[in-house]
Protein backbone atom coordinates (compact mmCIF):
# COMPACT_ATOMS: atom_id res chain seq x y z
CA MET A 1 8.66 -2.06 -13.29
CA LYS A 2 6.06 0.17 -14.92
CA ILE A 3 2.63 0.92 -13.46
CA ASN A 4 -0.09 2.77 -15.36
CA CYS A 5 -1.53 4.58 -12.32
CA ILE A 6 -5.33 4.90 -12.39
CA GLU A 7 -5.87 5.64 -8.69
CA ILE A 8 -3.81 7.20 -5.90
CA SER A 9 -4.89 6.46 -2.35
CA ILE A 10 -3.52 8.50 0.59
CA SER A 11 -3.97 7.76 4.27
CA ASP A 12 -2.51 10.05 6.94
CA GLU A 13 -3.00 9.05 10.55
CA GLU A 14 -1.45 9.84 13.92
CA LEU A 15 1.19 7.10 13.85
CA GLY A 16 1.87 6.94 10.12
CA CYS A 17 0.92 7.59 6.54
CA GLN A 18 0.50 5.49 3.42
CA VAL A 19 0.38 6.23 -0.32
CA THR A 20 -0.73 3.64 -2.85
CA PHE A 21 -0.46 3.94 -6.63
CA SER A 22 -2.59 1.33 -8.41
CA GLU A 23 -3.65 0.32 -11.91
CA LYS A 24 -7.20 -0.45 -10.83
CA LYS A 25 -9.79 1.50 -8.84
CA ASP A 26 -10.66 0.58 -5.27
CA LEU A 27 -13.67 -1.74 -5.16
CA GLY A 28 -15.13 -0.09 -2.08
CA GLU A 29 -18.22 -1.86 -0.75
CA GLU A 30 -18.34 -4.19 -3.78
CA ALA A 31 -15.57 -6.25 -2.16
CA ALA A 32 -17.98 -7.41 0.56
CA ASN A 33 -19.76 -9.66 -1.96
CA MET A 34 -16.62 -11.13 -3.52
CA THR A 35 -14.60 -14.23 -2.77
CA VAL A 36 -11.02 -13.90 -1.54
CA GLN A 37 -9.69 -15.02 -4.92
CA GLU A 38 -11.84 -12.44 -6.76
CA ILE A 39 -10.47 -9.70 -4.50
CA ILE A 40 -6.87 -10.83 -5.08
CA ASP A 41 -7.44 -10.92 -8.86
CA SER A 42 -9.01 -7.46 -8.81
CA ILE A 43 -6.09 -5.71 -7.09
CA GLY A 44 -3.84 -5.57 -10.14
CA ARG A 45 -0.40 -3.97 -10.13
CA TYR A 46 0.41 -1.45 -7.39
CA LEU A 47 3.12 0.34 -5.42
CA LEU A 48 2.56 1.05 -1.73
CA ILE A 49 4.80 3.29 0.39
CA GLN A 50 4.19 3.38 4.13
CA ARG A 51 5.85 5.41 6.88
CA SER A 52 5.28 4.71 10.56
CA TYR A 53 6.11 7.49 12.98
CA PRO A 54 7.84 6.61 16.25
CA GLU A 55 5.58 6.29 19.26
CA PHE A 56 8.42 7.14 21.64
CA GLU A 57 11.37 9.54 21.21
CA VAL A 58 13.95 6.74 21.43
CA GLU A 59 12.44 4.98 18.40
CA SER A 60 12.99 5.91 14.76
CA ASP A 61 10.71 6.12 11.72
CA TYR A 62 9.96 2.93 9.80
CA ILE A 63 9.55 3.17 6.04
CA TYR A 64 8.19 0.19 4.09
CA PHE A 65 7.39 -0.40 0.43
CA GLU A 66 5.43 -3.14 -1.27
CA THR A 67 4.42 -4.04 -4.81
CA HIS A 68 2.18 -6.61 -6.46
CA ASN A 69 5.35 -8.68 -6.93
CA GLU A 70 6.45 -10.33 -3.67
CA GLU A 71 10.12 -9.96 -4.69
CA TYR A 72 9.84 -6.17 -4.42
CA ALA A 73 8.87 -5.42 -0.84
CA GLY A 74 10.69 -4.51 2.34
CA GLU A 75 11.99 -1.82 4.63
CA LEU A 76 13.73 1.27 3.28
CA LYS A 77 16.71 2.48 5.29
CA ASP A 78 18.92 5.58 5.08
């Protein structure tokens, strides 16, 4: 799979972080005036990598990836 990355979005919060590589720019507030189908069509190809930090010491990290293609998504394990 090849993605021509136009925008990289990074979110880092207390219980996890997320990085998204996408071929199209984020719509921002424009999305509020669009239909669901228009939003879906505007997303384009992307790769999302998400890591959730454990809330308790007995838990472990959870790493997930997702793409525009439903066949390529799931948990990453060591």
